[in-house]
């Protein structure tokens, strides 16, 4: 996984991307906010979810300015309703 992150995708976002996990190549390390923007650019159908998706890096919720490095595990977690 050289110059990439492992992307885990949950709930409705997984349905949009059609997979629970993928390897996402990156040109350079970035922030969590930049990564989410890049994922939405590559997968435009995910854009309506962008404002409500939480990003976790290596198991910890990240702020938009938190760093993402090559080899990190990044989870995209949209809101989930239960009943």
C-alpha atoms as a PDB file:
ATOM      1  CA  UNK A   1       0.000   0.000   0.000  1.00  0.00           C
ATOM      2  CA  UNK A   2       2.719   2.427  -1.043  1.00  0.00           C
ATOM      3  CA  UNK A   3       1.486   6.041  -1.290  1.00  0.00           C
ATOM      4  CA  UNK A   4      -2.084   5.076  -0.450  1.00  0.00           C
ATOM      5  CA  UNK A   5      -4.504   4.765   2.457  1.00  0.00           C
ATOM      6  CA  UNK A   6      -6.873   1.940   3.320  1.00  0.00           C
ATOM      7  CA  UNK A   7     -10.364   3.391   3.121  1.00  0.00           C
ATOM      8  CA  UNK A   8     -13.187   1.762   5.100  1.00  0.00           C
ATOM      9  CA  UNK A   9     -16.688   2.847   4.116  1.00  0.00           C
ATOM     10  CA  UNK A  10     -19.798   2.322   6.253  1.00  0.00           C
ATOM     11  CA  UNK A  11     -23.612   2.438   6.015  1.00  0.00           C
ATOM     12  CA  UNK A  12     -25.076   4.595   3.218  1.00  0.00           C
ATOM     13  CA  UNK A  13     -21.642   5.681   2.003  1.00  0.00           C
ATOM     14  CA  UNK A  14     -20.751   2.001   1.466  1.00  0.00           C
ATOM     15  CA  UNK A  15     -23.931   1.604  -0.593  1.00  0.00           C
ATOM     16  CA  UNK A  16     -22.955   4.606  -2.740  1.00  0.00           C
ATOM     17  CA  UNK A  17     -19.399   3.358  -3.371  1.00  0.00           C
ATOM     18  CA  UNK A  18     -20.504  -0.250  -3.754  1.00  0.00           C
ATOM     19  CA  UNK A  19     -17.743  -1.605  -1.520  1.00  0.00           C
ATOM     20  CA  UNK A  20     -16.925  -1.649   2.200  1.00  0.00           C
ATOM     21  CA  UNK A  21     -13.201  -1.144   1.657  1.00  0.00           C
ATOM     22  CA  UNK A  22     -10.734   0.069  -0.948  1.00  0.00           C
ATOM     23  CA  UNK A  23      -7.156   1.188  -1.317  1.00  0.00           C
ATOM     24  CA  UNK A  24      -7.065   4.873  -2.239  1.00  0.00           C
ATOM     25  CA  UNK A  25      -3.842   6.093  -3.889  1.00  0.00           C
ATOM     26  CA  UNK A  26      -2.728   9.579  -2.830  1.00  0.00           C
ATOM     27  CA  UNK A  27      -0.316  11.973  -4.527  1.00  0.00           C
ATOM     28  CA  UNK A  28       0.894  13.269  -1.145  1.00  0.00           C
ATOM     29  CA  UNK A  29      -0.012  13.137   2.536  1.00  0.00           C
ATOM     30  CA  UNK A  30      -2.998  15.371   3.253  1.00  0.00           C
ATOM     31  CA  UNK A  31      -5.531  16.345   5.904  1.00  0.00           C
ATOM     32  CA  UNK A  32      -8.740  14.484   6.733  1.00  0.00           C
ATOM     33  CA  UNK A  33     -10.740  17.293   5.107  1.00  0.00           C
ATOM     34  CA  UNK A  34      -8.656  17.155   1.942  1.00  0.00           C
ATOM     35  CA  UNK A  35      -9.015  13.382   1.818  1.00  0.00           C
ATOM     36  CA  UNK A  36     -12.801  13.574   2.105  1.00  0.00           C
ATOM     37  CA  UNK A  37     -12.865  16.195  -0.663  1.00  0.00           C
ATOM     38  CA  UNK A  38     -10.726  13.927  -2.867  1.00  0.00           C
ATOM     39  CA  UNK A  39     -12.972  10.910  -2.238  1.00  0.00           C
ATOM     40  CA  UNK A  40     -16.011  13.011  -3.188  1.00  0.00           C
ATOM     41  CA  UNK A  41     -14.193  14.213  -6.311  1.00  0.00           C
ATOM     42  CA  UNK A  42     -13.405  10.627  -7.351  1.00  0.00           C
ATOM     43  CA  UNK A  43     -16.867   9.366  -6.383  1.00  0.00           C
ATOM     44  CA  UNK A  44     -19.298  12.237  -7.134  1.00  0.00           C
ATOM     45  CA  UNK A  45     -22.329  10.243  -5.941  1.00  0.00           C
ATOM     46  CA  UNK A  46     -20.893  10.559  -2.420  1.00  0.00           C
ATOM     47  CA  UNK A  47     -20.929  14.388  -2.510  1.00  0.00           C
ATOM     48  CA  UNK A  48     -24.442  14.757  -0.994  1.00  0.00           C
ATOM     49  CA  UNK A  49     -23.131  12.901   2.088  1.00  0.00           C
ATOM     50  CA  UNK A  50     -20.025  15.086   2.446  1.00  0.00           C
ATOM     51  CA  UNK A  51     -21.314  17.507   5.085  1.00  0.00           C
ATOM     52  CA  UNK A  52     -22.459  14.742   7.408  1.00  0.00           C
ATOM     53  CA  UNK A  53     -19.663  12.162   7.038  1.00  0.00           C
ATOM     54  CA  UNK A  54     -17.311  11.744   9.995  1.00  0.00           C
ATOM     55  CA  UNK A  55     -13.740  10.770   9.224  1.00  0.00           C
ATOM     56  CA  UNK A  56     -11.709   8.536  11.517  1.00  0.00           C
ATOM     57  CA  UNK A  57      -7.974   8.018  11.067  1.00  0.00           C
ATOM     58  CA  UNK A  58      -6.460   4.892  12.583  1.00  0.00           C
ATOM     59  CA  UNK A  59      -9.518   4.356  14.781  1.00  0.00           C
ATOM     60  CA  UNK A  60      -9.807   7.922  16.115  1.00  0.00           C
ATOM     61  CA  UNK A  61     -12.295  10.536  14.933  1.00  0.00           C
ATOM     62  CA  UNK A  62     -10.394  13.236  13.056  1.00  0.00           C
ATOM     63  CA  UNK A  63     -10.943  16.954  12.615  1.00  0.00           C
ATOM     64  CA  UNK A  64     -10.718  18.367   9.096  1.00  0.00           C
ATOM     65  CA  UNK A  65      -7.189  19.678   9.772  1.00  0.00           C
ATOM     66  CA  UNK A  66      -5.811  16.410  11.200  1.00  0.00           C
ATOM     67  CA  UNK A  67      -3.095  14.765   9.088  1.00  0.00           C
ATOM     68  CA  UNK A  68      -3.512  11.646   6.977  1.00  0.00           C
ATOM     69  CA  UNK A  69      -0.331   9.794   6.010  1.00  0.00           C
ATOM     70  CA  UNK A  70       0.428   7.013   3.559  1.00  0.00           C
ATOM     71  CA  UNK A  71      -0.521   3.661   5.073  1.00  0.00           C
ATOM     72  CA  UNK A  72      -3.181   5.081   7.419  1.00  0.00           C
ATOM     73  CA  UNK A  73      -6.553   3.409   7.826  1.00  0.00           C
ATOM     74  CA  UNK A  74      -9.279   5.975   7.169  1.00  0.00           C
ATOM     75  CA  UNK A  75     -12.953   5.309   7.871  1.00  0.00           C
ATOM     76  CA  UNK A  76     -15.832   7.269   6.369  1.00  0.00           C
ATOM     77  CA  UNK A  77     -18.761   7.132   8.765  1.00  0.00           C
ATOM     78  CA  UNK A  78     -22.053   8.684   7.664  1.00  0.00           C
ATOM     79  CA  UNK A  79     -24.889   9.237  10.134  1.00  0.00           C
ATOM     80  CA  UNK A  80     -26.770   6.045  10.929  1.00  0.00           C
ATOM     81  CA  UNK A  81     -30.406   5.985  12.030  1.00  0.00           C
ATOM     82  CA  UNK A  82     -31.681   3.173  14.173  1.00  0.00           C
ATOM     83  CA  UNK A  83     -35.010   2.156  15.426  1.00  0.00           C
END
